[in-house]
């Protein structure tokens, strides 16, 4: 399953950190952040619950960039 989320992030480097944190989250097959569009596209593992996984993604992103936001 693939979903798109609106994000808020200040710079391209911060967006890269968010992408890396999202990709390191269990249940995420692939995450791609587009800084220019302020969007994160996430492809989930087949058995993953997207809502639960995205809560973990947000927590992981907040660890690397505390002022970022993902609108779930």
C-alpha atoms as a PDB file:
ATOM      1  CA  UNK A   1       0.000   0.000   0.000  1.00  0.00           C
ATOM      2  CA  UNK A   2       1.230   3.476  -0.860  1.00  0.00           C
ATOM      3  CA  UNK A   3       0.097   6.738   0.754  1.00  0.00           C
ATOM      4  CA  UNK A   4       1.050  10.395   0.510  1.00  0.00           C
ATOM      5  CA  UNK A   5       1.325  12.752   3.503  1.00  0.00           C
ATOM      6  CA  UNK A   6       1.706  16.512   3.747  1.00  0.00           C
ATOM      7  CA  UNK A   7       4.766  17.479   5.769  1.00  0.00           C
ATOM      8  CA  UNK A   8       6.254  20.634   7.234  1.00  0.00           C
ATOM      9  CA  UNK A   9      10.022  20.951   7.246  1.00  0.00           C
ATOM     10  CA  UNK A  10      12.372  23.950   7.056  1.00  0.00           C
ATOM     11  CA  UNK A  11      15.202  22.867   4.753  1.00  0.00           C
ATOM     12  CA  UNK A  12      16.247  20.242   2.240  1.00  0.00           C
ATOM     13  CA  UNK A  13      18.813  18.761   4.621  1.00  0.00           C
ATOM     14  CA  UNK A  14      16.117  18.306   7.273  1.00  0.00           C
ATOM     15  CA  UNK A  15      13.891  16.655   4.655  1.00  0.00           C
ATOM     16  CA  UNK A  16      16.707  14.204   3.875  1.00  0.00           C
ATOM     17  CA  UNK A  17      16.996  13.370   7.596  1.00  0.00           C
ATOM     18  CA  UNK A  18      13.245  12.761   7.738  1.00  0.00           C
ATOM     19  CA  UNK A  19      13.439  10.468   4.719  1.00  0.00           C
ATOM     20  CA  UNK A  20      16.259   8.448   6.299  1.00  0.00           C
ATOM     21  CA  UNK A  21      14.365   8.174   9.608  1.00  0.00           C
ATOM     22  CA  UNK A  22      11.183   7.081   7.832  1.00  0.00           C
ATOM     23  CA  UNK A  23      13.040   4.440   5.808  1.00  0.00           C
ATOM     24  CA  UNK A  24      14.546   3.041   9.022  1.00  0.00           C
ATOM     25  CA  UNK A  25      11.090   2.524  10.551  1.00  0.00           C
ATOM     26  CA  UNK A  26       9.777  -1.063  10.682  1.00  0.00           C
ATOM     27  CA  UNK A  27       6.791  -1.509   8.379  1.00  0.00           C
ATOM     28  CA  UNK A  28       8.050   1.004   5.804  1.00  0.00           C
ATOM     29  CA  UNK A  29       9.133  -0.517   2.503  1.00  0.00           C
ATOM     30  CA  UNK A  30      10.131   2.864   1.025  1.00  0.00           C
ATOM     31  CA  UNK A  31       9.700   6.508   1.972  1.00  0.00           C
ATOM     32  CA  UNK A  32      10.464   9.416  -0.351  1.00  0.00           C
ATOM     33  CA  UNK A  33      10.352  13.039   0.797  1.00  0.00           C
ATOM     34  CA  UNK A  34       9.860  15.804  -1.745  1.00  0.00           C
ATOM     35  CA  UNK A  35      11.027  19.021  -0.095  1.00  0.00           C
ATOM     36  CA  UNK A  36       9.726  21.272  -2.878  1.00  0.00           C
ATOM     37  CA  UNK A  37       6.190  19.869  -2.641  1.00  0.00           C
ATOM     38  CA  UNK A  38       6.358  19.283   1.146  1.00  0.00           C
ATOM     39  CA  UNK A  39       5.131  15.720   0.708  1.00  0.00           C
ATOM     40  CA  UNK A  40       6.204  12.303   1.933  1.00  0.00           C
ATOM     41  CA  UNK A  41       5.233   9.261  -0.131  1.00  0.00           C
ATOM     42  CA  UNK A  42       5.329   6.055   1.882  1.00  0.00           C
ATOM     43  CA  UNK A  43       5.067   2.497   0.618  1.00  0.00           C
ATOM     44  CA  UNK A  44       4.200   0.108   3.449  1.00  0.00           C
ATOM     45  CA  UNK A  45       5.097  -3.546   3.940  1.00  0.00           C
ATOM     46  CA  UNK A  46       2.178  -5.824   3.042  1.00  0.00           C
ATOM     47  CA  UNK A  47       1.407  -6.807   6.646  1.00  0.00           C
ATOM     48  CA  UNK A  48       1.837  -3.305   8.120  1.00  0.00           C
ATOM     49  CA  UNK A  49      -0.905  -1.132   9.625  1.00  0.00           C
ATOM     50  CA  UNK A  50      -0.312   2.303   8.014  1.00  0.00           C
ATOM     51  CA  UNK A  51      -1.739   4.300  10.942  1.00  0.00           C
ATOM     52  CA  UNK A  52       0.453   2.558  13.517  1.00  0.00           C
ATOM     53  CA  UNK A  53       3.531   2.690  11.295  1.00  0.00           C
ATOM     54  CA  UNK A  54       3.075   6.416  10.616  1.00  0.00           C
ATOM     55  CA  UNK A  55       2.952   7.152  14.352  1.00  0.00           C
ATOM     56  CA  UNK A  56       6.358   5.450  14.599  1.00  0.00           C
ATOM     57  CA  UNK A  57       7.588   7.333  11.509  1.00  0.00           C
ATOM     58  CA  UNK A  58       6.574  10.648  13.091  1.00  0.00           C
ATOM     59  CA  UNK A  59       8.312   9.746  16.356  1.00  0.00           C
ATOM     60  CA  UNK A  60      11.491   8.769  14.489  1.00  0.00           C
ATOM     61  CA  UNK A  61      11.420  11.956  12.421  1.00  0.00           C
ATOM     62  CA  UNK A  62      10.952  14.071  15.554  1.00  0.00           C
ATOM     63  CA  UNK A  63      14.119  12.483  17.001  1.00  0.00           C
ATOM     64  CA  UNK A  64      16.240  13.735  14.104  1.00  0.00           C
ATOM     65  CA  UNK A  65      14.389  16.989  13.399  1.00  0.00           C
ATOM     66  CA  UNK A  66      12.255  18.103  16.337  1.00  0.00           C
ATOM     67  CA  UNK A  67      10.403  20.898  14.528  1.00  0.00           C
ATOM     68  CA  UNK A  68       9.199  18.783  11.591  1.00  0.00           C
ATOM     69  CA  UNK A  69       5.589  17.721  11.176  1.00  0.00           C
ATOM     70  CA  UNK A  70       3.744  15.015   9.288  1.00  0.00           C
ATOM     71  CA  UNK A  71       0.018  15.588   8.902  1.00  0.00           C
ATOM     72  CA  UNK A  72      -1.568  12.217   9.493  1.00  0.00           C
END
